Amino acid sequence: MSDNILIAIAWPYANAQIHVGNITGSHLPGDIEARYHRLKGDRVLMVSGTDSHGTPVTLRADADGRPVEEVYQFYHNQFLELFLKCGISYDLFTSTHTENHF
């Protein structure tokens, strides 16, 4: 019998590029765990997203002279591109700008 597995990864702030510590400390281990359970035949949901609110994002936007929305979208897209390059496969990677967060 297969199990339902939820893997919820920490949400990086959208104020800077993800560094190797973020990848090796949370995103990669979560992906490995998800792959293991999928190979076992379990039903896996691996989720995370970009934290597009809060002080770090606001400070970056102020420093860059850009709107918060623009800054968050830039880094969110960079995160997605990096995950694709690393072969990390999220079932859902969203942001705190989605309707369910509001």
N, C-alpha and C. Protein backbone atom coordinates (compact mmCIF):
# COMPACT_ATOMS: atom_id res chain seq x y z
N MET A 1 0.84 -1.18 0.00
CA MET A 1 0.00 0.00 0.00
C MET A 1 0.88 1.24 0.00
N SER A 2 0.54 2.20 -0.83
CA SER A 2 1.34 3.42 -0.89
C SER A 2 0.87 4.43 0.16
N ASP A 3 1.81 5.26 0.56
CA ASP A 3 1.53 6.30 1.55
C ASP A 3 1.44 7.66 0.85
N ASN A 4 0.76 8.58 1.52
CA ASN A 4 0.76 9.98 1.08
C ASN A 4 1.89 10.68 1.83
N ILE A 5 2.79 11.32 1.07
CA ILE A 5 3.96 11.98 1.66
C ILE A 5 3.93 13.46 1.29
N LEU A 6 4.00 14.32 2.29
CA LEU A 6 4.12 15.76 2.07
C LEU A 6 5.53 16.18 2.43
N ILE A 7 6.19 16.84 1.49
CA ILE A 7 7.52 17.39 1.75
C ILE A 7 7.40 18.90 1.54
N ALA A 8 7.55 19.64 2.63
CA ALA A 8 7.39 21.10 2.60
C ALA A 8 8.75 21.74 2.89
N ILE A 9 9.29 22.41 1.90
CA ILE A 9 10.63 23.00 1.97
C ILE A 9 10.53 24.46 2.40
N ALA A 10 11.53 24.93 3.15
CA ALA A 10 11.57 26.33 3.59
C ALA A 10 11.48 27.28 2.40
N TRP A 11 10.81 28.38 2.61
CA TRP A 11 10.59 29.37 1.55
C TRP A 11 11.70 30.42 1.58
N PRO A 12 12.52 30.52 0.53
CA PRO A 12 13.57 31.55 0.51
C PRO A 12 12.97 32.95 0.26
N TYR A 13 13.57 33.95 0.91
CA TYR A 13 13.17 35.34 0.64
C TYR A 13 13.59 35.72 -0.77
N ALA A 14 12.79 36.57 -1.40
CA ALA A 14 13.06 37.02 -2.76
C ALA A 14 13.89 38.29 -2.74
N ASN A 15 15.02 38.26 -2.03
CA ASN A 15 15.86 39.45 -1.95
C ASN A 15 17.29 39.20 -2.44
N ALA A 16 17.63 37.96 -2.76
CA ALA A 16 18.98 37.63 -3.24
C ALA A 16 18.94 36.25 -3.88
N GLN A 17 19.99 35.92 -4.60
CA GLN A 17 20.09 34.60 -5.20
C GLN A 17 20.16 33.53 -4.12
N ILE A 18 19.65 32.37 -4.43
CA ILE A 18 19.79 31.23 -3.51
C ILE A 18 21.26 30.81 -3.53
N HIS A 19 21.83 30.56 -2.36
CA HIS A 19 23.22 30.15 -2.29
C HIS A 19 23.31 28.64 -2.08
N VAL A 20 24.51 28.12 -2.17
CA VAL A 20 24.72 26.68 -2.10
C VAL A 20 24.19 26.09 -0.79
N GLY A 21 24.25 26.85 0.29
CA GLY A 21 23.72 26.38 1.56
C GLY A 21 22.22 26.16 1.52
N ASN A 22 21.50 27.02 0.79
CA ASN A 22 20.06 26.81 0.63
C ASN A 22 19.78 25.53 -0.14
N ILE A 23 20.55 25.31 -1.20
CA ILE A 23 20.34 24.12 -2.02
C ILE A 23 20.67 22.86 -1.21
N THR A 24 21.86 22.82 -0.62
CA THR A 24 22.29 21.60 0.08
C THR A 24 21.60 21.40 1.42
N GLY A 25 21.07 22.48 1.99
CA GLY A 25 20.45 22.37 3.30
C GLY A 25 18.97 22.08 3.29
N SER A 26 18.28 22.41 2.19
CA SER A 26 16.83 22.17 2.20
C SER A 26 16.29 21.66 0.87
N HIS A 27 16.60 22.32 -0.23
CA HIS A 27 15.98 21.95 -1.50
C HIS A 27 16.45 20.59 -2.01
N LEU A 28 17.73 20.33 -2.00
CA LEU A 28 18.26 19.05 -2.48
C LEU A 28 17.85 17.88 -1.57
N PRO A 29 17.98 18.00 -0.24
CA PRO A 29 17.53 16.89 0.60
C PRO A 29 16.04 16.58 0.42
N GLY A 30 15.23 17.62 0.27
CA GLY A 30 13.80 17.40 0.04
C GLY A 30 13.56 16.68 -1.27
N ASP A 31 14.30 17.05 -2.30
CA ASP A 31 14.15 16.40 -3.60
C ASP A 31 14.58 14.93 -3.52
N ILE A 32 15.66 14.66 -2.82
CA ILE A 32 16.11 13.27 -2.65
C ILE A 32 15.04 12.45 -1.93
N GLU A 33 14.49 13.01 -0.87
CA GLU A 33 13.43 12.31 -0.13
C GLU A 33 12.21 12.05 -1.02
N ALA A 34 11.84 13.06 -1.82
CA ALA A 34 10.70 12.89 -2.73
C ALA A 34 10.97 11.79 -3.75
N ARG A 35 12.17 11.78 -4.31
CA ARG A 35 12.52 10.75 -5.30
C ARG A 35 12.49 9.35 -4.67
N TYR A 36 12.99 9.24 -3.47
CA TYR A 36 12.98 7.95 -2.76
C TYR A 36 11.54 7.43 -2.62
N HIS A 37 10.66 8.30 -2.13
CA HIS A 37 9.28 7.87 -1.91
C HIS A 37 8.55 7.58 -3.21
N ARG A 38 8.85 8.34 -4.24
CA ARG A 38 8.23 8.07 -5.55
C ARG A 38 8.68 6.71 -6.08
N LEU A 39 9.96 6.39 -5.90
CA LEU A 39 10.47 5.08 -6.33
C LEU A 39 9.80 3.94 -5.56
N LYS A 40 9.45 4.20 -4.30
CA LYS A 40 8.75 3.21 -3.48
C LYS A 40 7.30 3.06 -3.89
N GLY A 41 6.81 4.00 -4.70
CA GLY A 41 5.42 3.96 -5.12
C GLY A 41 4.50 4.82 -4.28
N ASP A 42 5.07 5.62 -3.38
CA ASP A 42 4.24 6.52 -2.57
C ASP A 42 3.77 7.71 -3.39
N ARG A 43 2.69 8.30 -2.94
CA ARG A 43 2.17 9.53 -3.55
C ARG A 43 2.82 10.70 -2.82
N VAL A 44 3.57 11.51 -3.56
CA VAL A 44 4.38 12.58 -2.96
C VAL A 44 3.89 13.94 -3.45
N LEU A 45 3.83 14.86 -2.52
CA LEU A 45 3.58 16.26 -2.85
C LEU A 45 4.72 17.06 -2.24
N MET A 46 5.60 17.60 -3.10
CA MET A 46 6.72 18.43 -2.62
C MET A 46 6.41 19.88 -2.97
N VAL A 47 6.34 20.72 -1.95
CA VAL A 47 5.92 22.10 -2.13
C VAL A 47 6.90 23.08 -1.48
N SER A 48 6.90 24.26 -2.02
CA SER A 48 7.65 25.39 -1.45
C SER A 48 7.24 26.61 -2.25
N GLY A 49 7.98 27.67 -2.05
CA GLY A 49 7.70 28.89 -2.80
C GLY A 49 8.62 30.00 -2.40
N THR A 50 8.42 31.12 -3.02
CA THR A 50 9.21 32.32 -2.76
C THR A 50 8.48 33.19 -1.75
N ASP A 51 9.19 33.56 -0.69
CA ASP A 51 8.63 34.50 0.28
C ASP A 51 8.85 35.90 -0.27
N SER A 52 7.78 36.48 -0.78
CA SER A 52 7.87 37.76 -1.47
C SER A 52 7.46 38.93 -0.58
N HIS A 53 7.28 38.68 0.70
CA HIS A 53 6.91 39.73 1.64
C HIS A 53 7.98 39.83 2.73
N GLY A 54 7.91 40.84 3.52
CA GLY A 54 8.81 40.95 4.66
C GLY A 54 9.91 41.97 4.45
N THR A 55 10.63 42.21 5.51
CA THR A 55 11.68 43.22 5.54
C THR A 55 12.78 42.99 4.52
N PRO A 56 13.33 41.77 4.37
CA PRO A 56 14.43 41.57 3.41
C PRO A 56 14.06 41.98 1.99
N VAL A 57 12.85 41.66 1.57
CA VAL A 57 12.42 41.99 0.21
C VAL A 57 12.19 43.49 0.07
N THR A 58 11.59 44.09 1.08
CA THR A 58 11.34 45.53 1.05
C THR A 58 12.65 46.32 1.03
N LEU A 59 13.62 45.90 1.83
CA LEU A 59 14.92 46.58 1.85
C LEU A 59 15.63 46.46 0.50
N ARG A 60 15.56 45.28 -0.12
CA ARG A 60 16.19 45.09 -1.43
C ARG A 60 15.51 45.99 -2.47
N ALA A 61 14.20 46.06 -2.44
CA ALA A 61 13.46 46.91 -3.38
C ALA A 61 13.84 48.38 -3.19
N ASP A 62 13.92 48.82 -1.94
CA ASP A 62 14.32 50.20 -1.65
C ASP A 62 15.74 50.47 -2.14
N ALA A 63 16.65 49.54 -1.89
CA ALA A 63 18.05 49.72 -2.30
C ALA A 63 18.19 49.76 -3.82
N ASP A 64 17.36 48.96 -4.50
CA ASP A 64 17.42 48.91 -5.97
C ASP A 64 16.58 49.99 -6.63
N GLY A 65 15.74 50.68 -5.85
CA GLY A 65 14.85 51.69 -6.41
C GLY A 65 13.80 51.08 -7.33
N ARG A 66 13.35 49.88 -6.98
CA ARG A 66 12.35 49.18 -7.80
C ARG A 66 11.17 48.78 -6.92
N PRO A 67 10.02 48.56 -7.51
CA PRO A 67 8.87 48.09 -6.73
C PRO A 67 9.11 46.68 -6.19
N VAL A 68 8.54 46.39 -5.05
CA VAL A 68 8.68 45.07 -4.42
C VAL A 68 8.24 43.97 -5.39
N GLU A 69 7.15 44.17 -6.08
CA GLU A 69 6.63 43.17 -7.02
C GLU A 69 7.67 42.82 -8.09
N GLU A 70 8.36 43.81 -8.59
CA GLU A 70 9.38 43.58 -9.62
C GLU A 70 10.58 42.79 -9.05
N VAL A 71 11.00 43.16 -7.87
CA VAL A 71 12.13 42.48 -7.23
C VAL A 71 11.77 41.02 -6.94
N TYR A 72 10.62 40.82 -6.33
CA TYR A 72 10.22 39.45 -6.01
C TYR A 72 10.11 38.61 -7.27
N GLN A 73 9.52 39.14 -8.33
CA GLN A 73 9.35 38.36 -9.56
C GLN A 73 10.69 37.99 -10.17
N PHE A 74 11.65 38.91 -10.12
CA PHE A 74 12.99 38.62 -10.65
C PHE A 74 13.61 37.43 -9.93
N TYR A 75 13.62 37.48 -8.60
CA TYR A 75 14.25 36.40 -7.84
C TYR A 75 13.45 35.11 -7.91
N HIS A 76 12.15 35.19 -7.93
CA HIS A 76 11.31 34.00 -8.06
C HIS A 76 11.66 33.26 -9.35
N ASN A 77 11.78 33.98 -10.44
CA ASN A 77 12.14 33.37 -11.72
C ASN A 77 13.55 32.78 -11.68
N GLN A 78 14.47 33.46 -10.99
CA GLN A 78 15.83 32.94 -10.84
C GLN A 78 15.82 31.63 -10.05
N PHE A 79 15.00 31.56 -9.00
CA PHE A 79 14.90 30.34 -8.20
C PHE A 79 14.42 29.18 -9.08
N LEU A 80 13.36 29.43 -9.85
CA LEU A 80 12.82 28.37 -10.71
C LEU A 80 13.85 27.89 -11.72
N GLU A 81 14.59 28.82 -12.30
CA GLU A 81 15.63 28.47 -13.27
C GLU A 81 16.71 27.61 -12.61
N LEU A 82 17.13 27.98 -11.41
CA LEU A 82 18.15 27.22 -10.69
C LEU A 82 17.67 25.80 -10.38
N PHE A 83 16.43 25.67 -9.93
CA PHE A 83 15.90 24.35 -9.61
C PHE A 83 15.87 23.47 -10.86
N LEU A 84 15.50 24.04 -11.98
CA LEU A 84 15.50 23.27 -13.23
C LEU A 84 16.91 22.81 -13.57
N LYS A 85 17.89 23.70 -13.44
CA LYS A 85 19.28 23.34 -13.74
C LYS A 85 19.79 22.24 -12.81
N CYS A 86 19.34 22.25 -11.56
CA CYS A 86 19.78 21.26 -10.58
C CYS A 86 18.96 19.98 -10.64
N GLY A 87 17.90 19.97 -11.45
CA GLY A 87 17.05 18.79 -11.55
C GLY A 87 16.12 18.61 -10.38
N ILE A 88 15.87 19.67 -9.63
CA ILE A 88 14.97 19.61 -8.47
C ILE A 88 13.54 19.79 -8.98
N SER A 89 12.69 18.85 -8.61
CA SER A 89 11.34 18.81 -9.19
C SER A 89 10.27 19.04 -8.13
N TYR A 90 9.81 20.25 -8.05
CA TYR A 90 8.70 20.59 -7.16
C TYR A 90 7.38 20.22 -7.83
N ASP A 91 6.43 19.78 -7.02
CA ASP A 91 5.07 19.61 -7.52
C ASP A 91 4.35 20.94 -7.53
N LEU A 92 4.73 21.80 -6.58
CA LEU A 92 4.16 23.14 -6.52
C LEU A 92 5.20 24.08 -5.91
N PHE A 93 5.60 25.08 -6.68
CA PHE A 93 6.48 26.13 -6.18
C PHE A 93 5.81 27.44 -6.52
N THR A 94 5.29 28.08 -5.51
CA THR A 94 4.46 29.28 -5.70
C THR A 94 5.11 30.46 -5.00
N SER A 95 4.34 31.44 -4.62
CA SER A 95 4.88 32.58 -3.87
C SER A 95 3.84 33.10 -2.90
N THR A 96 4.28 33.94 -1.99
CA THR A 96 3.35 34.54 -1.05
C THR A 96 2.52 35.66 -1.69
N HIS A 97 2.69 35.85 -2.99
CA HIS A 97 1.84 36.79 -3.73
C HIS A 97 0.61 36.11 -4.32
N THR A 98 0.43 34.84 -4.05
CA THR A 98 -0.73 34.15 -4.59
C THR A 98 -1.96 34.45 -3.76
N GLU A 99 -3.12 34.26 -4.35
CA GLU A 99 -4.38 34.61 -3.71
C GLU A 99 -4.59 33.90 -2.38
N ASN A 100 -4.21 32.61 -2.31
CA ASN A 100 -4.44 31.89 -1.05
C ASN A 100 -3.64 32.47 0.12
N HIS A 101 -2.54 33.18 -0.15
CA HIS A 101 -1.78 33.80 0.93
C HIS A 101 -2.40 35.13 1.38
N PHE A 102 -3.07 35.79 0.45
CA PHE A 102 -3.73 37.03 0.82
C PHE A 102 -5.00 36.73 1.61
